[in-house]
N, C-alpha and C. Protein backbone atom coordinates (compact mmCIF):
# COMPACT_ATOMS: atom_id res chain seq x y z
N MET A 1 71.88 90.68 46.99
CA MET A 1 70.54 89.66 47.75
C MET A 1 71.59 88.05 48.87
N THR A 2 71.24 87.72 49.57
CA THR A 2 71.49 86.83 50.18
C THR A 2 70.68 85.51 50.07
N PHE A 3 70.44 84.74 49.32
CA PHE A 3 69.74 83.38 49.60
C PHE A 3 69.37 82.75 50.20
N ASP A 4 68.02 82.23 50.86
CA ASP A 4 67.95 81.02 51.52
C ASP A 4 68.85 80.12 51.08
N PRO A 5 69.53 79.75 52.62
CA PRO A 5 70.56 78.55 52.39
C PRO A 5 70.23 77.44 51.72
N ASP A 6 69.47 77.18 52.15
CA ASP A 6 68.97 76.19 51.81
C ASP A 6 68.24 75.82 50.60
N ALA A 7 67.85 76.74 50.34
CA ALA A 7 67.40 76.81 48.70
C ALA A 7 68.78 76.90 48.14
N TYR A 8 69.81 77.67 48.61
CA TYR A 8 71.12 77.71 47.67
C TYR A 8 71.66 77.23 47.33
N ASP A 9 72.03 76.16 48.47
CA ASP A 9 72.55 74.76 48.38
C ASP A 9 71.85 73.87 47.33
N LEU A 10 70.60 73.49 47.47
CA LEU A 10 69.94 72.92 46.23
C LEU A 10 70.26 72.75 45.06
N PHE A 11 70.37 74.42 44.78
CA PHE A 11 70.35 74.94 43.20
C PHE A 11 72.00 74.72 42.95
N ALA A 12 72.80 75.24 43.87
CA ALA A 12 74.13 74.68 43.59
C ALA A 12 74.39 73.15 43.22
N TYR A 13 74.01 72.17 44.25
CA TYR A 13 74.04 70.93 43.70
C TYR A 13 73.41 70.58 42.40
N GLN A 14 72.45 70.82 42.65
CA GLN A 14 71.68 70.47 41.42
C GLN A 14 72.71 71.20 40.34
N LYS A 15 72.84 72.19 40.21
CA LYS A 15 74.06 72.85 39.10
C LYS A 15 75.27 71.69 38.90
N ALA A 16 75.69 71.58 39.75
CA ALA A 16 76.76 70.60 40.06
C ALA A 16 76.95 69.55 39.50
N ARG A 17 75.61 68.78 39.79
CA ARG A 17 75.31 67.57 39.24
C ARG A 17 75.22 67.58 37.60
N HIS A 18 74.50 68.26 37.54
CA HIS A 18 73.75 69.19 35.73
C HIS A 18 75.36 69.23 35.15
N GLU A 19 76.13 69.56 35.63
CA GLU A 19 77.63 69.66 35.26
C GLU A 19 78.50 68.58 34.96
N GLU A 20 78.15 67.64 35.69
CA GLU A 20 79.09 66.79 35.78
C GLU A 20 78.70 65.77 34.91
N VAL A 21 77.41 65.78 33.81
CA VAL A 21 77.18 64.98 33.27
C VAL A 21 76.97 65.90 31.60
N GLY A 22 77.94 66.88 31.80
CA GLY A 22 78.06 67.67 30.17
C GLY A 22 77.07 68.80 30.64
N GLY A 23 76.34 69.03 31.36
CA GLY A 23 75.16 70.22 31.11
C GLY A 23 74.06 69.83 30.27
N THR A 24 73.95 68.54 29.65
CA THR A 24 73.13 68.75 28.34
C THR A 24 71.89 68.81 28.81
N THR A 25 71.10 69.63 27.25
CA THR A 25 69.62 69.74 27.66
C THR A 25 68.73 69.02 27.03
N ASP A 26 69.65 67.96 26.79
CA ASP A 26 68.64 66.13 25.69
C ASP A 26 68.08 65.99 26.88
N MET A 27 66.62 66.08 26.89
CA MET A 27 65.63 65.26 28.31
C MET A 27 65.54 64.38 27.81
N GLU A 28 65.77 63.73 27.01
CA GLU A 28 65.42 62.09 26.87
C GLU A 28 67.17 61.38 27.36
N GLU A 29 68.10 62.22 27.38
CA GLU A 29 69.41 61.45 27.98
C GLU A 29 69.63 61.86 29.28
N LEU A 30 69.07 62.86 29.68
CA LEU A 30 69.74 63.03 31.04
C LEU A 30 69.60 62.17 31.79
N PRO A 31 67.77 61.98 32.32
CA PRO A 31 67.96 60.52 33.15
C PRO A 31 68.40 59.40 33.20
N THR A 32 69.10 58.81 32.00
CA THR A 32 69.80 58.70 32.14
C THR A 32 71.25 58.26 32.31
N LEU A 33 71.94 59.34 32.33
CA LEU A 33 73.10 59.89 32.70
C LEU A 33 73.43 60.12 34.55
N LEU A 34 71.98 60.24 34.43
CA LEU A 34 71.54 60.52 36.31
C LEU A 34 71.30 59.48 37.09
N GLY A 35 71.49 58.26 36.86
CA GLY A 35 70.94 56.93 37.07
C GLY A 35 69.45 56.80 36.96
N CYS A 36 68.57 57.12 35.77
CA CYS A 36 67.08 57.34 36.17
C CYS A 36 66.79 55.90 35.08
N THR A 37 65.96 55.42 35.22
CA THR A 37 64.96 54.83 33.62
C THR A 37 63.61 55.58 33.29
N VAL A 38 64.03 55.80 32.74
CA VAL A 38 62.47 56.35 32.17
C VAL A 38 61.43 55.88 31.65
N ILE A 39 59.99 55.85 32.16
CA ILE A 39 58.85 55.05 31.76
C ILE A 39 57.86 55.52 31.72
N GLU A 40 57.29 55.05 30.46
CA GLU A 40 56.07 55.98 29.58
C GLU A 40 55.00 55.61 30.92
N ALA A 41 53.89 56.16 31.07
CA ALA A 41 52.97 56.35 32.15
C ALA A 41 51.72 57.13 32.06
N ASP A 42 50.93 57.04 32.54
CA ASP A 42 49.72 57.77 32.85
C ASP A 42 49.58 59.19 33.22
N ALA A 43 50.50 59.29 34.20
CA ALA A 43 50.84 60.40 35.03
C ALA A 43 52.90 60.69 35.26
N SER A 44 53.36 62.30 34.89
CA SER A 44 54.60 62.05 35.73
C SER A 44 55.03 62.00 37.09
N ARG A 45 55.97 61.19 37.52
CA ARG A 45 56.05 61.56 39.10
C ARG A 45 57.77 60.77 38.79
N LEU A 46 58.21 60.64 39.97
CA LEU A 46 59.37 59.83 40.65
C LEU A 46 59.19 58.90 41.30
N ILE A 47 59.31 57.32 41.31
CA ILE A 47 59.32 56.39 42.09
C ILE A 47 60.86 56.14 42.22
N GLY A 48 61.58 56.11 43.42
CA GLY A 48 63.09 55.56 43.42
C GLY A 48 63.85 56.47 42.33
N THR A 49 64.15 55.79 41.28
CA THR A 49 64.86 55.90 40.30
C THR A 49 64.39 55.50 38.97
N ASP A 50 63.15 55.23 39.02
CA ASP A 50 62.10 55.33 37.73
C ASP A 50 60.98 56.70 37.86
N LEU A 51 62.09 56.81 36.72
CA LEU A 51 61.22 58.65 35.94
C LEU A 51 59.59 58.16 35.26
N HIS A 52 58.78 58.58 35.52
CA HIS A 52 57.25 58.11 34.97
C HIS A 52 57.27 59.23 34.57
N VAL A 53 56.92 59.10 32.98
CA VAL A 53 56.33 60.46 32.05
C VAL A 53 55.28 59.93 31.14
N GLN A 54 54.33 60.86 31.83
CA GLN A 54 53.27 61.19 30.76
C GLN A 54 52.87 61.13 29.33
N ARG A 55 52.37 60.20 28.92
CA ARG A 55 52.32 60.20 27.87
C ARG A 55 51.72 60.76 26.74
N ARG A 56 51.87 61.00 25.48
CA ARG A 56 51.29 61.87 24.79
C ARG A 56 51.49 63.20 24.91
N LEU A 57 52.47 63.73 25.64
CA LEU A 57 52.84 64.96 25.82
C LEU A 57 53.55 65.77 24.49
N ILE A 58 53.06 67.14 24.16
CA ILE A 58 53.90 67.63 23.08
C ILE A 58 55.00 67.74 23.66
N TYR A 59 56.16 68.27 22.51
CA TYR A 59 57.50 67.73 22.36
C TYR A 59 57.93 68.76 24.14
N ALA A 60 57.09 70.20 23.94
CA ALA A 60 57.78 71.17 25.16
C ALA A 60 57.64 70.83 26.25
N GLY A 61 56.74 69.79 26.45
CA GLY A 61 55.52 69.13 27.92
C GLY A 61 56.68 68.44 27.96
N ARG A 62 56.76 67.12 27.25
CA ARG A 62 57.67 66.32 27.86
C ARG A 62 59.26 66.44 28.02
N ARG A 63 59.53 67.30 27.49
CA ARG A 63 60.85 67.94 28.53
C ARG A 63 60.89 68.53 29.78
N SER A 64 59.82 69.55 29.47
CA SER A 64 59.26 70.02 30.80
C SER A 64 59.38 69.00 32.29
N HIS A 65 57.99 68.37 31.52
CA HIS A 65 58.18 67.10 32.68
C HIS A 65 59.17 66.56 33.42
N ILE A 66 59.90 65.74 32.48
CA ILE A 66 61.08 65.10 32.36
C ILE A 66 62.40 65.80 33.81
N ALA A 67 62.02 67.30 32.92
CA ALA A 67 63.07 67.98 33.88
C ALA A 67 62.45 68.38 35.24
N HIS A 68 61.36 68.67 35.54
CA HIS A 68 61.04 68.48 36.86
C HIS A 68 61.30 67.23 37.54
N GLU A 69 60.92 66.20 37.08
CA GLU A 69 60.94 64.81 37.90
C GLU A 69 62.86 64.76 37.89
N VAL A 70 63.62 64.97 37.20
CA VAL A 70 64.67 65.04 37.34
C VAL A 70 65.41 66.24 38.64
N SER A 71 64.67 67.31 38.74
CA SER A 71 65.02 68.19 39.82
C SER A 71 64.45 67.68 41.29
N HIS A 72 63.41 66.86 41.07
CA HIS A 72 62.86 65.70 41.92
C HIS A 72 64.29 64.85 42.96
N LYS A 73 64.48 64.46 41.49
CA LYS A 73 65.47 63.31 41.97
C LYS A 73 66.56 63.81 42.26
N LEU A 74 67.69 64.81 41.51
CA LEU A 74 68.82 65.47 42.10
C LEU A 74 68.11 66.28 43.98
N ALA A 75 67.15 66.65 43.96
CA ALA A 75 66.62 66.72 45.32
C ALA A 75 66.73 65.72 46.60
N GLN A 76 67.11 64.39 46.09
CA GLN A 76 66.31 63.43 46.93
C GLN A 76 67.93 62.63 47.08
N GLU A 77 68.71 63.25 46.52
CA GLU A 77 69.70 62.42 46.32
C GLU A 77 70.76 62.68 47.64
N ARG A 78 71.52 61.95 48.11
CA ARG A 78 72.33 61.80 49.66
C ARG A 78 73.45 61.35 49.81
N ASP A 79 74.22 61.64 51.06
CA ASP A 79 75.60 61.41 50.55
C ASP A 79 75.81 59.56 50.90
N THR A 80 75.22 59.54 52.27
CA THR A 80 75.20 57.98 52.61
C THR A 80 73.39 57.75 53.00
N ALA A 81 73.22 56.74 53.63
CA ALA A 81 71.94 56.63 53.67
C ALA A 81 71.48 57.03 54.60
N HIS A 82 72.14 57.60 55.73
CA HIS A 82 71.73 58.03 57.02
C HIS A 82 71.61 59.79 57.13
N ASP A 83 72.10 60.44 55.79
CA ASP A 83 71.70 61.61 55.67
C ASP A 83 70.54 61.95 55.28
N PRO A 84 70.44 63.49 55.80
CA PRO A 84 68.91 63.50 54.69
C PRO A 84 69.12 64.44 53.50
N ASN A 85 67.98 64.22 52.38
CA ASN A 85 68.52 64.85 51.47
C ASN A 85 67.82 66.05 51.33
N TYR A 86 67.98 66.70 50.22
CA TYR A 86 67.62 68.14 50.22
C TYR A 86 65.87 68.29 50.30
N GLU A 87 65.46 67.43 50.08
CA GLU A 87 64.08 67.55 50.30
C GLU A 87 63.74 67.39 51.56
N GLU A 88 64.24 66.56 52.14
CA GLU A 88 64.13 66.51 53.74
C GLU A 88 64.62 67.70 54.22
N VAL A 89 65.85 68.02 54.03
CA VAL A 89 66.11 69.33 54.65
C VAL A 89 65.16 70.77 54.83
N ILE A 90 64.08 70.93 53.44
CA ILE A 90 63.60 71.97 53.16
C ILE A 90 62.44 71.83 53.86
N ARG A 91 61.56 70.21 53.80
CA ARG A 91 60.77 70.13 54.48
C ARG A 91 60.49 70.58 56.10
N HIS A 92 61.79 70.55 57.06
CA HIS A 92 62.12 70.14 58.36
C HIS A 92 62.21 72.09 58.57
N ARG A 93 63.27 72.20 57.62
CA ARG A 93 63.71 74.00 57.96
C ARG A 93 62.60 75.26 57.78
N HIS A 94 61.62 74.55 56.88
CA HIS A 94 60.85 75.42 55.85
C HIS A 94 59.62 74.96 56.87
N ALA A 95 59.75 74.57 57.34
CA ALA A 95 57.96 73.57 57.89
C ALA A 95 56.80 75.20 58.09
N GLN A 96 57.66 76.17 58.72
CA GLN A 96 56.63 77.33 59.05
C GLN A 96 56.04 77.97 57.49
N ALA A 97 56.46 77.20 56.30
CA ALA A 97 55.50 78.23 55.08
C ALA A 97 54.10 77.46 55.31
N PRO A 98 53.46 78.33 54.90
CA PRO A 98 51.73 78.28 54.49
C PRO A 98 51.55 76.56 54.06
N ASP A 99 52.01 76.72 53.17
CA ASP A 99 51.96 75.29 52.46
C ASP A 99 53.30 74.78 51.87
N VAL A 100 54.02 73.77 53.08
CA VAL A 100 55.55 73.23 52.60
C VAL A 100 55.67 72.57 51.61
N ASP A 101 54.16 72.15 50.71
CA ASP A 101 54.45 71.21 49.72
C ASP A 101 54.04 72.30 48.28
N ALA A 102 53.78 73.41 48.10
CA ALA A 102 53.75 74.27 47.16
C ALA A 102 54.92 75.01 47.30
N HIS A 103 55.72 74.51 48.38
CA HIS A 103 57.02 75.36 48.79
C HIS A 103 58.22 75.01 48.09
N LEU A 104 57.79 73.63 48.48
CA LEU A 104 58.84 73.12 47.84
C LEU A 104 58.87 72.85 46.25
N GLU A 105 57.43 72.39 45.83
CA GLU A 105 57.31 72.26 43.98
C GLU A 105 57.87 73.58 43.39
N ALA A 106 57.62 74.29 44.14
CA ALA A 106 58.34 76.03 43.57
C ALA A 106 59.66 75.86 43.35
N LEU A 107 60.59 75.43 44.18
CA LEU A 107 62.22 75.32 44.30
C LEU A 107 62.66 74.15 43.64
N ILE A 108 62.29 73.20 43.29
CA ILE A 108 61.80 72.18 42.29
C ILE A 108 61.62 72.22 41.20
N THR A 109 60.55 73.12 40.75
CA THR A 109 60.11 74.27 39.55
C THR A 109 61.51 74.99 39.04
N THR A 110 62.18 75.94 40.00
CA THR A 110 63.82 76.63 39.66
C THR A 110 64.84 75.82 39.37
N GLY A 111 64.45 74.65 39.89
CA GLY A 111 65.65 73.76 39.90
C GLY A 111 65.50 72.90 38.03
N GLN A 112 64.13 72.62 37.70
CA GLN A 112 63.90 72.69 36.15
C GLN A 112 64.18 73.18 35.62
N ASP A 113 63.64 74.56 35.66
CA ASP A 113 64.40 75.45 34.99
C ASP A 113 65.63 75.45 34.57
N GLY A 114 66.23 75.50 35.53
CA GLY A 114 67.80 75.35 35.47
C GLY A 114 68.42 74.31 34.35
N LEU A 115 67.83 73.07 34.79
CA LEU A 115 68.34 71.70 33.80
C LEU A 115 67.42 72.12 32.30
N LEU A 116 66.30 72.84 32.30
CA LEU A 116 66.30 73.33 30.80
C LEU A 116 66.99 73.95 29.95
N MET A 117 67.59 74.81 30.81
CA MET A 117 67.87 76.11 30.31
C MET A 117 68.76 76.74 31.24
N PRO A 118 70.47 76.01 31.08
CA PRO A 118 71.07 76.79 31.79
C PRO A 118 71.41 78.12 31.55
N ASP A 119 72.98 78.20 32.79
CA ASP A 119 73.01 79.86 32.87
C ASP A 119 73.76 80.10 31.53
N LYS A 120 74.28 79.33 31.45
CA LYS A 120 75.54 79.53 30.13
C LYS A 120 74.76 80.12 28.76
N VAL A 121 74.02 79.35 28.76
CA VAL A 121 72.69 79.16 27.56
C VAL A 121 71.97 80.51 27.55
N VAL A 122 71.75 80.59 28.75
CA VAL A 122 70.13 81.62 29.48
C VAL A 122 71.31 83.65 28.80
N GLN A 123 73.09 83.08 29.73
CA GLN A 123 73.08 84.53 29.71
C GLN A 123 74.03 84.90 28.13
N THR A 124 74.37 83.74 27.24
CA THR A 124 74.80 83.86 26.30
C THR A 124 73.73 84.68 24.99
N ILE A 125 72.54 84.05 25.68
CA ILE A 125 70.87 84.76 24.94
C ILE A 125 70.91 86.16 25.04
N ILE A 126 71.21 86.91 26.61
CA ILE A 126 70.97 87.74 26.71
C ILE A 126 72.15 88.85 26.36
N ASN A 127 73.53 88.17 26.45
CA ASN A 127 74.81 89.08 25.92
C ASN A 127 74.69 88.96 24.35
N ILE A 128 73.73 88.55 23.54
CA ILE A 128 73.49 88.86 22.36
C ILE A 128 71.99 89.49 22.25
N CYS A 129 71.41 89.79 22.78
CA CYS A 129 70.22 90.02 22.57
C CYS A 129 70.28 91.45 23.32
N GLY A 130 70.61 91.80 24.82
CA GLY A 130 70.06 92.21 25.64
C GLY A 130 69.25 91.38 26.18
N LEU A 131 69.13 92.55 27.59
CA LEU A 131 68.05 91.96 28.17
C LEU A 131 66.36 92.58 28.35
N ASN A 132 65.79 92.02 27.08
CA ASN A 132 64.62 92.93 27.03
C ASN A 132 63.48 91.89 26.56
N ALA A 133 62.42 92.08 26.02
CA ALA A 133 60.91 91.26 26.27
C ALA A 133 61.33 90.12 25.30
N MET A 134 62.00 90.31 23.62
CA MET A 134 62.31 89.55 22.88
C MET A 134 63.31 88.59 23.51
N VAL A 135 64.07 88.25 23.82
CA VAL A 135 64.88 87.49 24.75
C VAL A 135 64.30 86.35 25.22
N VAL A 136 62.85 86.74 25.92
CA VAL A 136 62.05 85.49 26.05
C VAL A 136 61.83 84.53 25.15
N TRP A 137 61.49 85.23 24.10
CA TRP A 137 61.21 84.95 22.77
C TRP A 137 61.97 83.63 22.19
N ILE A 138 63.02 84.47 22.36
CA ILE A 138 64.40 83.57 21.52
C ILE A 138 64.30 82.61 22.10
N LEU A 139 64.54 82.75 23.81
CA LEU A 139 65.06 81.34 24.47
C LEU A 139 63.85 80.46 24.35
N HIS A 140 62.82 80.90 24.32
CA HIS A 140 61.73 79.90 24.42
C HIS A 140 62.08 78.76 23.17
N GLN A 141 61.84 79.65 21.88
CA GLN A 141 62.26 79.11 20.52
C GLN A 141 63.55 78.23 20.68
N GLN A 142 65.01 78.62 21.03
CA GLN A 142 66.26 77.69 20.74
C GLN A 142 65.67 76.72 22.15
N GLU A 143 65.42 76.64 23.14
CA GLU A 143 65.36 75.77 24.02
C GLU A 143 64.38 74.96 24.36
N THR A 144 63.18 75.11 23.31
CA THR A 144 62.27 74.40 22.78
C THR A 144 60.83 73.90 24.28
N VAL A 145 60.89 75.32 25.05
CA VAL A 145 60.42 75.06 26.47
C VAL A 145 59.16 76.38 26.24
N TYR A 146 58.27 75.84 26.71
CA TYR A 146 56.73 76.63 27.30
C TYR A 146 57.12 78.22 27.05
N LEU A 147 56.54 79.02 26.68
CA LEU A 147 56.95 80.61 26.62
C LEU A 147 56.83 81.11 28.41
N HIS A 148 55.80 80.89 29.07
CA HIS A 148 56.03 80.95 30.84
C HIS A 148 57.03 80.72 30.84
N GLU A 149 57.77 79.67 30.89
CA GLU A 149 59.13 78.93 31.61
C GLU A 149 60.19 79.89 31.28
N ALA A 150 59.98 80.14 29.84
CA ALA A 150 61.15 80.80 29.19
C ALA A 150 61.24 82.51 29.74
N LEU A 151 60.06 82.99 30.28
CA LEU A 151 59.27 84.09 31.01
C LEU A 151 60.50 83.81 32.39
N ARG A 152 60.12 82.84 33.25
CA ARG A 152 60.16 82.87 34.26
C ARG A 152 61.77 82.55 34.88
N ARG A 153 62.59 82.07 33.35
CA ARG A 153 63.93 82.00 33.74
C ARG A 153 64.67 83.19 32.84
N ILE A 154 63.88 83.99 32.76
CA ILE A 154 64.72 84.59 32.33
C ILE A 154 64.59 86.15 33.84
N VAL A 155 63.47 86.27 34.45
CA VAL A 155 63.16 86.63 35.63
C VAL A 155 63.89 86.34 36.63
N GLN A 156 64.14 85.01 36.83
CA GLN A 156 65.23 84.39 37.89
C GLN A 156 66.45 84.15 37.58
N HIS A 157 66.86 84.41 36.18
CA HIS A 157 68.49 84.06 36.24
C HIS A 157 69.50 85.60 36.67
N ASN A 158 69.23 86.36 37.00
CA ASN A 158 70.34 86.72 38.26
C ASN A 158 70.02 87.16 39.34
N GLU A 159 70.74 86.67 40.31
CA GLU A 159 70.15 86.52 41.58
C GLU A 159 70.01 88.37 41.89
N ASN A 160 71.49 89.39 41.50
CA ASN A 160 71.20 90.28 42.06
C ASN A 160 70.27 91.28 41.28
N ALA A 161 69.52 90.77 40.60
CA ALA A 161 68.55 92.28 39.64
C ALA A 161 67.15 92.16 40.26
N ARG A 162 66.14 93.49 39.72
CA ARG A 162 65.46 93.74 40.40
C ARG A 162 64.21 93.14 38.67
N ILE A 163 63.85 92.72 38.92
CA ILE A 163 63.03 92.60 37.56
C ILE A 163 61.45 91.96 37.56
N GLY A 164 60.65 92.41 36.79
CA GLY A 164 59.13 91.37 36.52
C GLY A 164 58.87 91.30 35.19
N GLY A 165 58.21 90.27 34.91
CA GLY A 165 57.96 89.99 33.69
C GLY A 165 56.32 90.18 33.14
N PHE A 166 55.82 90.10 32.14
CA PHE A 166 54.34 89.00 32.27
C PHE A 166 53.99 88.59 30.40
N ILE A 167 52.95 87.97 30.67
CA ILE A 167 52.80 87.40 29.23
C ILE A 167 51.38 87.65 29.31
N GLY A 168 50.56 88.63 28.02
CA GLY A 168 49.31 88.70 27.78
C GLY A 168 48.77 88.08 26.92
N VAL A 169 47.18 87.68 27.58
CA VAL A 169 46.79 86.82 25.84
C VAL A 169 45.34 87.72 25.95
N ASN A 170 45.30 88.28 24.38
CA ASN A 170 43.97 88.50 24.40
C ASN A 170 43.53 90.28 25.76
N GLY A 171 44.83 90.79 25.97
CA GLY A 171 44.84 91.97 26.53
C GLY A 171 44.72 91.35 28.26
N ILE A 172 44.63 90.42 28.26
CA ILE A 172 45.10 89.95 29.68
C ILE A 172 46.25 89.11 30.44
N ILE A 173 46.66 89.99 31.30
CA ILE A 173 47.92 88.93 31.59
C ILE A 173 47.46 87.57 32.13
N ARG A 174 48.45 86.34 31.56
CA ARG A 174 48.14 85.04 31.95
C ARG A 174 49.20 84.62 32.79
N HIS A 175 50.41 84.99 32.33
CA HIS A 175 51.36 84.57 33.60
C HIS A 175 52.33 85.55 33.75
N ALA A 176 52.44 86.20 35.05
CA ALA A 176 53.55 86.85 35.61
C ALA A 176 54.53 86.59 36.79
N TYR A 177 55.28 86.86 36.64
CA TYR A 177 56.63 86.50 37.47
C TYR A 177 57.61 88.09 37.90
N SER A 178 57.71 88.23 39.02
CA SER A 178 59.14 89.23 39.81
C SER A 178 60.22 88.84 40.05
N TYR A 179 60.68 89.24 40.81
CA TYR A 179 62.40 89.19 41.28
C TYR A 179 62.13 90.37 41.85
N ARG A 180 62.36 90.24 43.63
CA ARG A 180 62.74 91.33 44.33
C ARG A 180 62.44 92.84 43.78
N TRP A 181 61.14 92.83 43.59
CA TRP A 181 59.91 93.92 43.14
C TRP A 181 58.75 93.81 43.03
N ARG A 182 57.76 94.36 43.73
CA ARG A 182 56.50 94.31 43.54
C ARG A 182 55.95 94.88 42.21
N MET A 183 55.85 93.95 41.50
CA MET A 183 55.19 94.52 40.24
C MET A 183 53.55 94.96 39.91
N PRO A 184 53.52 96.14 39.85
CA PRO A 184 51.98 96.56 39.86
C PRO A 184 50.84 95.98 39.54
N CYS A 185 51.70 95.38 38.09
CA CYS A 185 50.01 94.50 37.60
C CYS A 185 50.71 92.94 37.57
N TRP A 186 49.60 91.93 37.61
CA TRP A 186 49.26 90.78 37.77
C TRP A 186 48.39 90.01 37.02
N ILE A 187 48.60 88.61 37.69
CA ILE A 187 47.90 87.64 36.67
C ILE A 187 46.28 87.88 36.58
N GLY A 188 45.85 87.98 35.55
CA GLY A 188 43.98 88.11 35.73
C GLY A 188 43.91 90.01 35.16
N HIS A 189 44.97 90.77 35.82
CA HIS A 189 44.87 92.63 35.10
C HIS A 189 45.21 92.75 33.57
N PRO A 190 44.21 93.76 33.48
CA PRO A 190 45.01 93.93 31.62
C PRO A 190 46.16 94.05 31.45
N VAL A 191 46.80 93.73 30.80
CA VAL A 191 48.10 94.22 30.02
C VAL A 191 47.97 95.58 30.20
N PRO A 192 49.22 96.32 30.72
CA PRO A 192 49.35 97.82 30.87
C PRO A 192 49.61 98.50 29.96
N ASP A 193 49.89 99.73 30.24
CA ASP A 193 50.15 100.73 29.01
C ASP A 193 51.64 101.04 29.97
N PRO A 194 53.14 100.72 29.10
CA PRO A 194 53.85 100.91 29.82
C PRO A 194 54.12 102.55 30.06
N ASP A 195 53.67 103.39 29.50
CA ASP A 195 53.53 104.73 29.48
C ASP A 195 53.06 105.38 30.94
N ASP A 196 51.72 104.21 31.16
CA ASP A 196 50.86 104.87 31.75
C ASP A 196 50.93 104.05 33.42
N GLU A 197 51.78 102.82 33.34
CA GLU A 197 51.68 102.20 34.77
C GLU A 197 53.47 102.66 34.53
N PHE A 198 54.56 102.30 34.48
CA PHE A 198 56.28 102.32 34.71
C PHE A 198 56.58 103.11 33.93
N GLN A 199 57.78 103.55 34.96
CA GLN A 199 58.88 104.98 34.60
C GLN A 199 59.67 104.53 34.06
N GLY A 200 60.83 104.84 33.74
CA GLY A 200 62.66 104.34 33.13
C GLY A 200 62.28 104.04 32.02
N GLU A 201 63.95 103.30 31.43
CA GLU A 201 63.79 102.67 30.61
C GLU A 201 63.86 101.48 30.28
N GLY A 202 64.03 100.99 31.17
CA GLY A 202 63.89 99.19 31.51
C GLY A 202 62.49 98.61 31.22
N VAL A 203 61.74 99.47 30.51
CA VAL A 203 60.69 98.58 29.95
C VAL A 203 60.54 98.47 28.43
N SER A 204 60.32 97.14 27.95
CA SER A 204 60.27 96.93 26.45
C SER A 204 59.04 95.46 26.60
N LEU A 205 58.52 95.73 25.39
CA LEU A 205 57.32 94.76 25.17
C LEU A 205 57.81 94.18 23.29
N PHE A 206 56.65 92.99 23.46
CA PHE A 206 57.20 91.95 22.34
C PHE A 206 56.12 90.93 21.83
N GLN A 207 55.38 91.44 20.39
CA GLN A 207 54.72 90.67 20.10
C GLN A 207 55.04 89.53 19.50
N VAL A 208 54.37 88.47 19.86
CA VAL A 208 55.02 87.05 19.60
C VAL A 208 54.42 86.74 18.58
N PRO A 209 55.76 86.38 18.19
CA PRO A 209 55.29 86.01 15.91
C PRO A 209 54.11 85.34 15.94
N GLY A 210 53.48 85.57 15.11
CA GLY A 210 51.92 84.16 14.70
C GLY A 210 51.24 84.31 15.77
N ARG A 211 50.95 85.18 16.54
CA ARG A 211 50.01 85.13 17.58
C ARG A 211 49.69 86.73 18.08
N ARG A 212 49.53 86.88 17.60
CA ARG A 212 49.12 88.71 17.37
C ARG A 212 48.08 89.13 18.75
N ASN A 213 47.70 88.08 19.36
CA ASN A 213 47.02 88.26 20.26
C ASN A 213 47.80 87.93 21.92
N THR A 214 48.88 87.74 21.81
CA THR A 214 50.19 87.40 22.55
C THR A 214 51.10 88.38 22.34
N VAL A 215 51.28 89.27 23.84
CA VAL A 215 52.45 90.52 24.28
C VAL A 215 52.76 89.54 24.92
N ILE A 216 54.85 90.08 25.24
CA ILE A 216 55.40 89.91 26.33
C ILE A 216 55.98 90.88 26.87
N GLY A 217 56.05 90.98 28.01
CA GLY A 217 56.33 92.45 28.90
C GLY A 217 57.55 92.41 29.61
N LEU A 218 58.43 93.17 29.71
CA LEU A 218 60.11 93.15 30.86
C LEU A 218 59.99 94.14 31.43
N ILE A 219 60.09 94.11 32.39
CA ILE A 219 60.43 95.73 33.87
C ILE A 219 61.89 94.90 34.24
N VAL A 220 62.91 96.16 33.87
CA VAL A 220 64.17 95.57 34.35
C VAL A 220 64.34 97.17 35.16
N ILE A 221 63.94 96.96 36.60
CA ILE A 221 64.29 98.07 37.50
C ILE A 221 65.82 98.12 37.78
N GLU A 222 66.26 96.83 37.67
CA GLU A 222 68.14 96.96 38.26
C GLU A 222 68.36 95.46 38.08
N GLU A 223 70.06 95.77 36.88
CA GLU A 223 70.05 94.27 36.61
C GLU A 223 71.30 94.16 37.78
């Protein structure tokens, strides 16, 4: 698969900048290493190099908000004052997107996931446990991220894969992601019976420990 070159360049730049500061997943430390000042505020947003973080978030939420604003910060860096930054390039070249703001936010969220859960961490977990629904739970636990963020990261990790996944609560799908494949079930649909909906060996379900009403599903069509 060939990535959109603008998105590919953005993600490569964010990854390189992250690696320059050791690839840390300490979201309290990362903004400072990248030249930001963290400010407690009523809402999370980036103003210049001031990274405002919403007060009273749970730990996973605070990590998520910081990573998202750092992703914006990296997308707004430029070589010189006259060079466009990645956000400006994407807004210009992707202007035909139905909602360019939402389109850009989706790209920034992908960058956020890479900061919270770097490639090496994700791949190590997959190498140990295999690519299955349980891996989503382990990544969620190990990196202290929301369960749906861990699912999204697993689904989008391998750019050559064809894969989909969902989180079901009380029998209804609440979160769903797919990559290079049109998954037949989606948000709001009943949690499928794998024997009825899918064929092949790449289907796995995992009952979330301590949450009997929550199940993770992963469907790997091609790794």
